[in-house]
Structure formats: C-alpha cells, structure tokens
N, C-alpha and C. Protein backbone atom coordinates (compact mmCIF):
# COMPACT_ATOMS: atom_id res chain seq x y z
N UNK A 1 12.94 17.87 -5.96
CA UNK A 1 12.82 16.44 -5.59
C UNK A 1 11.32 16.11 -5.31
N UNK A 2 10.86 15.01 -5.80
CA UNK A 2 9.39 14.60 -5.64
C UNK A 2 9.08 14.22 -4.28
N UNK A 3 7.90 14.26 -3.83
CA UNK A 3 7.41 13.91 -2.49
C UNK A 3 7.77 12.46 -2.30
N UNK A 4 7.71 11.58 -3.26
CA UNK A 4 7.96 10.15 -3.04
C UNK A 4 9.49 9.97 -2.66
N UNK A 5 10.30 10.54 -3.36
CA UNK A 5 11.76 10.47 -3.14
C UNK A 5 12.17 11.05 -1.73
N UNK A 6 11.61 12.22 -1.35
CA UNK A 6 11.83 12.75 -0.04
C UNK A 6 11.23 11.87 1.04
N UNK A 7 10.02 11.27 0.78
CA UNK A 7 9.38 10.27 1.76
C UNK A 7 10.34 9.12 1.92
N UNK A 8 10.81 8.72 0.88
CA UNK A 8 11.76 7.52 0.99
C UNK A 8 12.87 7.83 1.87
N UNK A 9 13.49 9.00 1.73
CA UNK A 9 14.65 9.36 2.61
C UNK A 9 14.23 9.47 4.05
N UNK A 10 12.98 9.69 4.29
CA UNK A 10 12.70 9.68 5.80
C UNK A 10 12.26 8.28 6.20
N UNK A 11 11.58 7.60 5.41
CA UNK A 11 11.12 6.17 5.67
C UNK A 11 12.27 5.17 5.99
N UNK A 12 13.31 5.35 5.14
CA UNK A 12 14.44 4.30 5.18
C UNK A 12 15.24 4.25 6.46
N UNK A 13 15.58 5.47 7.02
CA UNK A 13 16.33 5.42 8.26
C UNK A 13 15.37 5.11 9.53
N UNK A 14 14.19 5.47 9.37
CA UNK A 14 13.26 5.04 10.42
C UNK A 14 13.13 3.47 10.38
N UNK A 15 13.01 2.90 9.28
CA UNK A 15 12.97 1.55 9.12
C UNK A 15 14.33 0.78 9.81
N UNK A 16 15.43 1.36 9.28
CA UNK A 16 16.62 0.82 9.82
C UNK A 16 16.75 0.92 11.47
N UNK A 17 16.47 2.13 11.88
CA UNK A 17 16.44 2.30 13.28
C UNK A 17 15.52 1.40 14.07
N UNK A 18 14.27 1.21 13.51
CA UNK A 18 13.29 0.29 14.16
C UNK A 18 13.76 -1.12 14.05
N UNK A 19 14.43 -1.57 13.06
CA UNK A 19 15.07 -2.89 12.99
C UNK A 19 16.06 -3.01 14.00
N UNK A 20 17.00 -2.07 14.08
CA UNK A 20 18.06 -2.04 15.00
C UNK A 20 17.57 -2.15 16.40
N UNK A 21 16.50 -1.47 16.83
CA UNK A 21 15.87 -1.47 18.14
C UNK A 21 14.89 -2.59 18.40
N UNK A 22 14.62 -3.40 17.29
CA UNK A 22 13.57 -4.42 17.50
C UNK A 22 12.27 -3.98 17.65
N UNK A 23 11.95 -2.90 17.00
CA UNK A 23 10.51 -2.39 17.23
C UNK A 23 9.88 -2.21 15.79
N UNK A 24 10.37 -2.87 14.78
CA UNK A 24 9.92 -2.72 13.46
C UNK A 24 8.42 -2.89 13.20
N UNK A 25 7.90 -3.96 13.96
CA UNK A 25 6.46 -4.22 13.79
C UNK A 25 5.64 -3.11 14.47
N UNK A 26 6.07 -2.51 15.60
CA UNK A 26 5.42 -1.44 16.30
C UNK A 26 5.32 -0.34 15.38
N UNK A 27 6.46 0.00 14.77
CA UNK A 27 6.55 1.23 13.95
C UNK A 27 5.62 1.04 12.65
N UNK A 28 5.69 -0.16 12.12
CA UNK A 28 4.75 -0.51 10.97
C UNK A 28 3.29 -0.29 11.47
N UNK A 29 2.84 -0.71 12.62
CA UNK A 29 1.61 -0.47 13.13
C UNK A 29 1.20 0.97 13.26
N UNK A 30 2.15 1.79 13.70
CA UNK A 30 2.03 3.20 13.72
C UNK A 30 1.87 3.80 12.33
N UNK A 31 2.54 3.31 11.44
CA UNK A 31 2.38 3.91 10.01
C UNK A 31 1.08 3.43 9.38
N UNK A 32 0.64 2.28 9.72
CA UNK A 32 -0.68 1.89 9.27
C UNK A 32 -1.80 2.73 9.86
N UNK A 33 -1.70 3.06 11.30
CA UNK A 33 -2.62 3.78 11.89
C UNK A 33 -2.71 5.24 11.29
N UNK A 34 -1.50 5.84 11.06
CA UNK A 34 -1.43 7.07 10.43
C UNK A 34 -2.13 7.10 9.04
N UNK A 35 -1.75 6.11 8.24
CA UNK A 35 -2.37 6.00 6.92
C UNK A 35 -3.89 5.76 6.93
N UNK A 36 -4.33 4.92 7.88
CA UNK A 36 -5.80 4.63 8.00
C UNK A 36 -6.52 5.77 8.43
N UNK A 37 -5.96 6.54 9.36
CA UNK A 37 -6.61 7.85 9.93
C UNK A 37 -6.73 8.79 8.68
N UNK A 38 -5.66 8.94 7.98
CA UNK A 38 -5.70 9.93 6.86
C UNK A 38 -6.72 9.46 5.75
N UNK A 39 -6.80 8.12 5.67
CA UNK A 39 -7.67 7.54 4.45
C UNK A 39 -9.12 7.83 4.91
N UNK A 40 -9.37 7.55 6.23
CA UNK A 40 -10.86 7.66 6.79
C UNK A 40 -11.20 8.90 7.13
N UNK A 41 -10.31 9.95 7.29
CA UNK A 41 -10.68 11.39 7.87
C UNK A 41 -10.03 12.34 6.85
N UNK A 42 -10.88 12.79 5.92
CA UNK A 42 -10.39 13.76 4.90
C UNK A 42 -9.81 15.09 5.57
N UNK A 43 -10.47 15.53 6.63
CA UNK A 43 -10.13 16.70 7.39
C UNK A 43 -8.61 16.71 7.97
N UNK A 44 -8.29 15.41 8.45
CA UNK A 44 -7.01 15.15 8.90
C UNK A 44 -6.02 15.19 7.86
N UNK A 45 -6.30 14.57 6.72
CA UNK A 45 -5.45 14.59 5.53
C UNK A 45 -5.15 15.99 4.96
N UNK A 46 -6.29 16.90 4.93
CA UNK A 46 -6.20 18.23 4.47
C UNK A 46 -5.36 19.07 5.42
N UNK A 47 -5.51 18.94 6.72
CA UNK A 47 -4.77 19.74 7.69
C UNK A 47 -3.21 19.38 7.51
N UNK A 48 -2.85 18.13 7.29
CA UNK A 48 -1.38 17.79 7.06
C UNK A 48 -0.91 18.51 5.82
N UNK A 49 -1.70 18.65 4.78
CA UNK A 49 -1.26 19.08 3.47
C UNK A 49 -1.39 20.70 3.53
N UNK A 50 -2.08 21.25 4.30
CA UNK A 50 -2.35 22.65 4.23
C UNK A 50 -1.12 23.53 4.62
N UNK A 51 -0.59 24.27 3.77
CA UNK A 51 0.63 25.06 4.14
C UNK A 51 0.26 26.28 5.00
N UNK A 52 -0.96 26.66 5.06
CA UNK A 52 -1.35 27.85 5.92
C UNK A 52 -1.20 27.44 7.50
N UNK A 53 -1.53 26.31 7.73
CA UNK A 53 -1.59 25.87 9.12
C UNK A 53 -0.15 25.61 9.57
N UNK A 54 0.46 26.26 10.57
CA UNK A 54 1.77 26.14 11.02
C UNK A 54 2.02 24.80 11.56
N UNK A 55 3.40 24.49 11.46
CA UNK A 55 3.91 23.05 11.78
C UNK A 55 3.70 22.85 13.24
N UNK A 56 3.80 23.74 14.20
CA UNK A 56 3.64 23.46 15.58
C UNK A 56 2.19 23.12 15.88
N UNK A 57 1.30 23.75 15.12
CA UNK A 57 -0.30 23.34 15.27
C UNK A 57 -0.52 21.97 14.75
N UNK A 58 0.20 21.56 13.71
CA UNK A 58 0.04 20.28 13.16
C UNK A 58 0.57 19.25 14.11
N UNK A 59 1.73 19.51 14.69
CA UNK A 59 2.34 18.67 15.67
C UNK A 59 1.37 18.50 16.93
N UNK A 60 0.83 19.53 17.33
CA UNK A 60 -0.08 19.48 18.55
C UNK A 60 -1.28 18.48 18.13
N UNK A 61 -1.77 18.66 16.88
CA UNK A 61 -2.86 17.73 16.42
C UNK A 61 -2.39 16.24 16.33
N UNK A 62 -1.14 16.09 15.83
CA UNK A 62 -0.64 14.66 15.77
C UNK A 62 -0.45 14.10 17.18
N UNK A 63 0.10 14.98 18.10
CA UNK A 63 0.31 14.37 19.45
C UNK A 63 -1.07 14.20 20.06
N UNK A 64 -2.03 15.06 19.88
CA UNK A 64 -3.32 14.77 20.63
C UNK A 64 -3.93 13.54 20.06
N UNK A 65 -3.77 13.26 18.84
CA UNK A 65 -4.45 11.99 18.18
C UNK A 65 -3.63 10.79 18.54
N UNK A 66 -2.24 10.82 18.52
CA UNK A 66 -1.50 9.59 18.58
C UNK A 66 -0.51 9.44 19.71
N UNK A 67 -0.40 10.42 20.59
CA UNK A 67 0.73 10.31 21.61
C UNK A 67 0.55 9.14 22.53
N UNK A 68 -0.69 8.76 22.81
CA UNK A 68 -0.82 7.48 23.67
C UNK A 68 -1.06 6.22 22.90
N UNK A 69 -0.92 6.29 21.53
CA UNK A 69 -1.20 5.16 20.61
C UNK A 69 0.06 4.73 19.80
N UNK A 70 1.05 5.61 19.84
CA UNK A 70 2.20 5.30 18.99
C UNK A 70 3.47 5.23 19.79
N UNK A 71 4.40 4.60 19.21
CA UNK A 71 5.76 4.51 19.74
C UNK A 71 6.39 5.82 19.75
N UNK A 72 7.43 6.04 20.73
CA UNK A 72 8.11 7.42 20.77
C UNK A 72 9.02 7.71 19.63
N UNK A 73 9.40 6.61 18.82
CA UNK A 73 10.24 6.86 17.60
C UNK A 73 9.48 7.51 16.60
N UNK A 74 8.15 6.98 16.45
CA UNK A 74 7.18 7.55 15.57
C UNK A 74 6.95 9.02 15.79
N UNK A 75 6.64 9.28 17.12
CA UNK A 75 6.31 10.66 17.52
C UNK A 75 7.56 11.53 17.28
N UNK A 76 8.77 11.02 17.49
CA UNK A 76 10.05 11.73 17.18
C UNK A 76 10.09 12.05 15.66
N UNK A 77 9.58 11.15 14.92
CA UNK A 77 9.56 11.43 13.42
C UNK A 77 8.68 12.56 13.17
N UNK A 78 7.56 12.48 13.80
CA UNK A 78 6.53 13.73 13.67
C UNK A 78 7.23 14.97 13.90
N UNK A 79 7.90 14.99 15.13
CA UNK A 79 8.56 16.25 15.55
C UNK A 79 9.61 16.77 14.53
N UNK A 80 10.44 15.84 14.07
CA UNK A 80 11.60 16.19 13.11
C UNK A 80 10.87 16.66 11.75
N UNK A 81 9.96 16.03 11.35
CA UNK A 81 9.24 16.37 10.05
C UNK A 81 8.61 17.77 10.14
N UNK A 82 7.95 18.09 11.24
CA UNK A 82 7.22 19.32 11.44
C UNK A 82 8.30 20.41 11.68
N UNK A 83 9.40 20.15 12.21
CA UNK A 83 10.58 21.19 12.45
C UNK A 83 11.10 21.47 10.99
N UNK A 84 11.15 20.48 10.18
CA UNK A 84 11.69 20.70 8.76
C UNK A 84 10.65 21.05 7.87
N UNK A 85 9.44 21.35 8.29
CA UNK A 85 8.21 21.75 7.32
C UNK A 85 8.04 20.65 6.32
N UNK A 86 8.06 19.48 6.79
CA UNK A 86 7.85 18.36 5.82
C UNK A 86 6.52 17.57 6.26
N UNK A 87 5.74 18.03 7.17
CA UNK A 87 4.65 17.23 7.66
C UNK A 87 3.58 17.01 6.62
N UNK A 88 3.57 17.82 5.51
CA UNK A 88 2.79 17.55 4.37
C UNK A 88 3.05 16.22 3.69
N UNK A 89 4.16 15.62 3.95
CA UNK A 89 4.44 14.38 3.32
C UNK A 89 4.33 13.19 4.17
N UNK A 90 3.84 13.37 5.43
CA UNK A 90 3.78 12.27 6.42
C UNK A 90 3.01 11.10 5.82
N UNK A 91 1.83 11.34 5.04
CA UNK A 91 1.17 10.30 4.47
C UNK A 91 1.97 9.51 3.55
N UNK A 92 2.76 10.16 2.76
CA UNK A 92 3.64 9.49 1.79
C UNK A 92 4.76 8.78 2.40
N UNK A 93 5.19 9.25 3.60
CA UNK A 93 6.23 8.58 4.34
C UNK A 93 5.69 7.17 5.00
N UNK A 94 4.41 7.23 5.36
CA UNK A 94 3.83 6.03 5.87
C UNK A 94 3.72 5.10 4.63
N UNK A 95 3.33 5.48 3.49
CA UNK A 95 3.29 4.40 2.34
C UNK A 95 4.58 4.00 2.01
N UNK A 96 5.61 4.82 1.97
CA UNK A 96 7.10 4.39 1.75
C UNK A 96 7.50 3.37 2.70
N UNK A 97 7.21 3.70 3.98
CA UNK A 97 7.72 2.79 5.15
C UNK A 97 7.06 1.43 4.95
N UNK A 98 5.72 1.47 4.71
CA UNK A 98 5.05 0.11 4.50
C UNK A 98 5.68 -0.68 3.29
N UNK A 99 6.02 -0.04 2.19
CA UNK A 99 6.62 -0.69 1.10
C UNK A 99 7.93 -1.29 1.56
N UNK A 100 8.71 -0.50 2.18
CA UNK A 100 10.10 -1.01 2.71
C UNK A 100 9.87 -2.05 3.62
N UNK A 101 9.03 -1.94 4.69
CA UNK A 101 8.65 -2.87 5.70
C UNK A 101 8.35 -4.25 4.95
N UNK A 102 7.48 -4.18 3.97
CA UNK A 102 7.00 -5.44 3.23
C UNK A 102 8.23 -6.10 2.54
N UNK A 103 9.05 -5.33 1.89
CA UNK A 103 10.22 -5.83 1.29
C UNK A 103 11.20 -6.50 2.42
N UNK A 104 11.36 -5.84 3.46
CA UNK A 104 12.13 -6.37 4.47
C UNK A 104 11.61 -7.70 5.00
N UNK A 105 10.24 -7.75 5.26
CA UNK A 105 9.66 -8.98 5.79
C UNK A 105 9.35 -9.97 4.67
N UNK A 106 9.53 -9.71 3.47
CA UNK A 106 9.26 -10.63 2.43
C UNK A 106 7.75 -10.90 2.15
N UNK A 107 7.04 -9.75 2.24
CA UNK A 107 5.60 -9.81 2.12
C UNK A 107 5.19 -9.21 0.74
N UNK A 108 4.28 -9.85 0.00
CA UNK A 108 3.94 -9.30 -1.25
C UNK A 108 2.39 -9.27 -1.33
N UNK A 109 1.85 -8.10 -1.50
CA UNK A 109 0.37 -7.94 -1.78
C UNK A 109 0.02 -8.30 -3.12
N UNK A 110 -0.99 -9.09 -3.28
CA UNK A 110 -1.52 -9.58 -4.60
C UNK A 110 -2.99 -9.31 -4.67
N UNK A 111 -3.45 -8.75 -5.77
CA UNK A 111 -4.91 -8.51 -6.00
C UNK A 111 -5.43 -9.64 -6.89
N UNK A 112 -6.41 -10.27 -6.35
CA UNK A 112 -7.07 -11.29 -7.24
C UNK A 112 -8.45 -10.82 -7.52
N UNK A 113 -8.79 -10.63 -8.83
CA UNK A 113 -10.10 -10.16 -9.33
C UNK A 113 -10.85 -11.27 -9.99
N UNK A 114 -12.05 -11.64 -9.59
CA UNK A 114 -12.80 -12.74 -10.35
C UNK A 114 -14.23 -12.38 -10.47
N UNK A 115 -14.85 -13.11 -11.38
CA UNK A 115 -16.33 -12.77 -11.55
C UNK A 115 -17.23 -13.12 -10.36
N UNK A 116 -16.74 -14.01 -9.63
CA UNK A 116 -17.50 -14.44 -8.30
C UNK A 116 -16.44 -14.65 -7.24
N UNK A 117 -16.86 -14.67 -6.09
CA UNK A 117 -15.96 -14.96 -5.02
C UNK A 117 -15.51 -16.50 -5.13
N UNK A 118 -14.15 -16.66 -5.11
CA UNK A 118 -13.67 -17.99 -5.36
C UNK A 118 -13.57 -18.80 -4.06
N UNK A 119 -13.63 -20.09 -4.13
CA UNK A 119 -13.63 -20.84 -2.94
C UNK A 119 -12.29 -20.82 -2.26
N UNK A 120 -12.35 -20.90 -0.95
CA UNK A 120 -10.99 -20.78 -0.14
C UNK A 120 -9.91 -21.68 -0.50
N UNK A 121 -10.28 -22.92 -0.94
CA UNK A 121 -9.43 -23.89 -1.44
C UNK A 121 -8.57 -23.28 -2.61
N UNK A 122 -9.17 -22.83 -3.52
CA UNK A 122 -8.66 -22.20 -4.68
C UNK A 122 -7.76 -21.02 -4.39
N UNK A 123 -8.20 -20.20 -3.60
CA UNK A 123 -7.41 -18.92 -3.09
C UNK A 123 -6.23 -19.49 -2.55
N UNK A 124 -6.37 -20.46 -1.55
CA UNK A 124 -5.14 -20.95 -0.95
C UNK A 124 -4.08 -21.51 -1.85
N UNK A 125 -4.66 -22.33 -2.81
CA UNK A 125 -3.73 -22.90 -3.81
C UNK A 125 -2.92 -21.76 -4.63
N UNK A 126 -3.65 -20.87 -4.97
CA UNK A 126 -3.06 -19.84 -5.72
C UNK A 126 -2.02 -19.00 -4.83
N UNK A 127 -2.30 -18.76 -3.52
CA UNK A 127 -1.34 -18.21 -2.64
C UNK A 127 -0.14 -18.97 -2.50
N UNK A 128 -0.28 -20.31 -2.35
CA UNK A 128 0.94 -21.22 -2.33
C UNK A 128 1.74 -21.09 -3.56
N UNK A 129 1.11 -21.21 -4.74
CA UNK A 129 1.82 -21.20 -5.93
C UNK A 129 2.54 -19.84 -6.09
N UNK A 130 2.03 -18.75 -5.80
CA UNK A 130 2.60 -17.50 -5.94
C UNK A 130 3.80 -17.31 -4.87
N UNK A 131 3.55 -17.81 -3.69
CA UNK A 131 4.58 -17.82 -2.58
C UNK A 131 5.81 -18.57 -3.14
N UNK A 132 5.66 -19.70 -3.82
CA UNK A 132 6.76 -20.47 -4.33
C UNK A 132 7.43 -19.70 -5.41
N UNK A 133 6.76 -19.23 -6.28
CA UNK A 133 7.28 -18.44 -7.43
C UNK A 133 7.94 -17.17 -7.05
N UNK A 134 7.47 -16.38 -6.12
CA UNK A 134 7.98 -15.13 -5.81
C UNK A 134 8.90 -15.25 -4.40
N UNK A 135 8.88 -16.34 -3.91
CA UNK A 135 9.60 -16.62 -2.66
C UNK A 135 9.22 -15.49 -1.63
N UNK A 136 8.00 -15.32 -1.40
CA UNK A 136 7.49 -14.22 -0.47
C UNK A 136 6.22 -14.79 0.15
N UNK A 137 5.89 -14.11 1.23
CA UNK A 137 4.62 -14.40 1.95
C UNK A 137 3.61 -13.62 1.07
N UNK A 138 2.46 -14.21 0.81
CA UNK A 138 1.47 -13.54 -0.05
C UNK A 138 0.26 -13.05 0.87
N UNK A 139 -0.05 -11.77 0.69
CA UNK A 139 -1.30 -11.33 1.23
C UNK A 139 -2.26 -11.04 0.10
N UNK A 140 -3.26 -11.80 0.05
CA UNK A 140 -4.29 -11.82 -1.07
C UNK A 140 -5.41 -10.84 -0.80
N UNK A 141 -5.59 -10.03 -1.75
CA UNK A 141 -6.62 -9.04 -1.68
C UNK A 141 -7.72 -9.34 -2.81
N UNK A 142 -8.93 -9.93 -2.34
CA UNK A 142 -9.86 -10.39 -3.29
C UNK A 142 -10.81 -9.38 -3.72
N UNK A 143 -11.03 -9.22 -5.10
CA UNK A 143 -12.10 -8.34 -5.47
C UNK A 143 -13.05 -9.16 -6.51
N UNK A 144 -14.26 -8.72 -6.45
CA UNK A 144 -15.30 -9.40 -7.40
C UNK A 144 -15.71 -8.37 -8.34
N UNK A 145 -15.50 -8.74 -9.72
CA UNK A 145 -15.97 -7.93 -10.86
C UNK A 145 -16.77 -8.85 -11.81
N UNK A 146 -18.18 -8.79 -11.70
CA UNK A 146 -18.98 -9.67 -12.56
C UNK A 146 -18.70 -9.36 -14.09
N UNK A 147 -18.22 -8.27 -14.44
CA UNK A 147 -17.85 -8.00 -15.91
C UNK A 147 -16.82 -8.82 -16.42
N UNK A 148 -16.05 -9.60 -15.59
CA UNK A 148 -15.02 -10.51 -16.19
C UNK A 148 -15.76 -11.83 -16.82
N UNK A 149 -16.93 -11.94 -16.45
CA UNK A 149 -17.77 -13.18 -16.90
C UNK A 149 -17.28 -14.41 -16.30
N UNK A 150 -15.98 -14.79 -16.25
CA UNK A 150 -15.55 -15.94 -15.67
C UNK A 150 -13.92 -15.82 -15.65
N UNK A 151 -13.23 -16.78 -15.02
CA UNK A 151 -11.83 -16.57 -14.99
C UNK A 151 -11.37 -15.73 -13.79
N UNK A 152 -10.12 -15.19 -13.95
CA UNK A 152 -9.64 -14.25 -12.93
C UNK A 152 -8.46 -13.37 -13.44
N UNK A 153 -8.25 -12.40 -12.63
CA UNK A 153 -7.17 -11.40 -13.05
C UNK A 153 -6.24 -11.38 -11.72
N UNK A 154 -4.85 -11.62 -11.84
CA UNK A 154 -3.94 -11.54 -10.81
C UNK A 154 -3.06 -10.29 -11.06
N UNK A 155 -2.92 -9.48 -10.02
CA UNK A 155 -2.10 -8.34 -10.23
C UNK A 155 -1.00 -8.22 -9.03
N UNK A 156 0.23 -8.32 -9.44
CA UNK A 156 1.29 -8.25 -8.61
C UNK A 156 2.16 -7.03 -8.89
N UNK A 157 2.13 -6.08 -8.07
CA UNK A 157 2.78 -4.72 -8.32
C UNK A 157 2.42 -4.25 -9.68
N UNK A 158 3.24 -4.10 -10.60
CA UNK A 158 2.86 -3.56 -11.85
C UNK A 158 2.63 -4.65 -12.95
N UNK A 159 2.71 -5.89 -12.51
CA UNK A 159 2.51 -7.09 -13.47
C UNK A 159 1.01 -7.55 -13.30
N UNK A 160 0.49 -7.98 -14.44
CA UNK A 160 -0.90 -8.56 -14.40
C UNK A 160 -1.06 -9.80 -15.26
N UNK A 161 -1.67 -10.73 -14.70
CA UNK A 161 -2.01 -11.98 -15.39
C UNK A 161 -3.41 -12.06 -15.66
N UNK A 162 -3.98 -11.77 -16.79
CA UNK A 162 -5.36 -11.69 -17.11
C UNK A 162 -5.87 -13.05 -17.81
N UNK A 163 -6.43 -13.70 -16.97
CA UNK A 163 -6.98 -15.13 -17.38
C UNK A 163 -8.54 -15.11 -17.32
N UNK A 164 -9.09 -13.97 -17.61
CA UNK A 164 -10.60 -13.78 -17.61
C UNK A 164 -11.18 -14.12 -18.85
N UNK A 165 -12.46 -14.58 -18.88
CA UNK A 165 -13.23 -14.84 -20.15
C UNK A 165 -13.48 -13.58 -20.98
N UNK A 166 -13.58 -12.57 -20.25
CA UNK A 166 -13.78 -11.22 -20.83
C UNK A 166 -12.65 -10.90 -21.73
N UNK A 167 -11.41 -10.99 -21.15
CA UNK A 167 -10.36 -10.58 -21.99
C UNK A 167 -10.02 -11.52 -23.24
N UNK A 168 -10.38 -12.89 -22.88
CA UNK A 168 -10.24 -13.88 -24.04
C UNK A 168 -11.29 -13.57 -25.16
N UNK A 169 -12.51 -13.19 -24.79
CA UNK A 169 -13.54 -12.74 -25.88
C UNK A 169 -13.01 -11.45 -26.56
N UNK A 170 -12.42 -10.50 -25.91
CA UNK A 170 -11.92 -9.38 -26.53
C UNK A 170 -10.83 -9.60 -27.50
N UNK A 171 -9.87 -10.66 -27.04
CA UNK A 171 -8.90 -11.03 -27.99
C UNK A 171 -9.39 -11.68 -29.24
N UNK A 172 -10.43 -12.54 -29.06
CA UNK A 172 -10.98 -13.25 -30.20
C UNK A 172 -11.63 -12.15 -31.14
N UNK A 173 -12.35 -11.28 -30.49
CA UNK A 173 -12.98 -10.17 -31.19
C UNK A 173 -11.97 -9.36 -32.05
N UNK A 174 -10.89 -9.02 -31.38
CA UNK A 174 -9.87 -8.18 -32.12
C UNK A 174 -9.22 -9.00 -33.21
N UNK A 175 -8.95 -10.24 -32.93
CA UNK A 175 -8.40 -11.11 -34.00
C UNK A 175 -9.36 -11.23 -35.17
N UNK A 176 -10.62 -11.47 -34.94
CA UNK A 176 -11.59 -11.56 -35.97
C UNK A 176 -11.79 -10.39 -36.82
N UNK A 177 -11.80 -9.18 -36.13
CA UNK A 177 -11.84 -7.90 -36.90
C UNK A 177 -10.67 -7.59 -37.75
N UNK A 178 -9.42 -8.05 -37.27
CA UNK A 178 -8.23 -7.90 -38.08
C UNK A 178 -8.12 -8.76 -39.21
N UNK A 179 -8.69 -9.98 -39.07
CA UNK A 179 -8.59 -11.10 -40.10
C UNK A 179 -9.77 -10.99 -41.05
N UNK A 180 -10.54 -9.95 -41.06
CA UNK A 180 -11.72 -9.95 -42.05
C UNK A 180 -11.35 -9.50 -43.39
N UNK A 181 -10.15 -9.35 -43.76
CA UNK A 181 -9.76 -8.90 -45.13
C UNK A 181 -9.63 -10.25 -45.95
N UNK A 182 -10.68 -10.59 -46.71
CA UNK A 182 -10.66 -11.86 -47.41
C UNK A 182 -9.98 -11.68 -48.89
C-alpha cells in the first residue's frame, strides 16, 4: 500500500474526530505547523523518514518540539503512529489531512501565474468568478513569470487554463509549421 493511501487512512479518522469534537481548525493548524516545520527544516524531515532512528526517540523529538504548541489529539496521533512504526509518513498525513480539511471547509487553492503582478481588483474579480463556478472559497496563490509575455495561467488542481501570450504564440508557430506544405 502506498504512503499516500496509508496517510489517508490516518488523516480521515483524525478529521472526523476533530469535527466531532469541534476542534477541526485547531488540528488543521497543528498539521500546518508540522508541514511547515518539515518544509523549513530538512534535518527534522530526515529524522522522521530515517528507519535507523527508533520510534520512541522520534516521539521524544516530536513532543519536545510540539507538546506545548499542539492539541492533545494531534500529540495522540504522533504516539499512535510511532507505536505502529508509521512516523515516517507523518508529513504525508499532514498533507492528506489538509486536503480533506479543505474539502470539508469548501476551500480551493488556485495558482494564478502572470507576466507581471496583477492589480488587486483583477485578482478579486477572478476569485469571485472562480468561487461562483466552483462553489468554493478560493485561496489565490499568485506567481509572476515574465516568460509568459502577457496574459495569465490559472491552475486548479490538475486543470489548467492557459491564456498567456506565450502559449498563443506557440500555438500560432505550431499551426504555421504544420501548414507549410503548399
């Protein structure tokens, strides 16, 4: 079984229990803290993944880092996962939990890439249109890529709307090279 599917099996009951106890936002904050810590501290990430380091040592590290910052349900998850020798997928569990939390809360992350930073009014308009279309709350992540020349690219999960000048020029070039047989 893949790490993602095992992580899903841990994340789902934690989400359900957090919803039941009315602490879902607290647990989401904990998962974000775990993910951010692993993203920003390679040593921490490596320790979690290292099969040579015993689970009780990893649990001690997790408690030392997070005991006064996280909810007891999250700490209980750490204990269960280390007991089951699954602490190596804690990072993946945090990602799976966040996906499920976003689905539960109706949140959709969207990446907007443009040649220059777009005006706030345009970004807000795009957010509103996407929110209507997807029936979700939109969190917009803006990126600037001068190679686009102009226009924008919107990415929602695995779907992409490419409305950039660069892609339009590439389409014209491709059509022109295909139609050169006179």
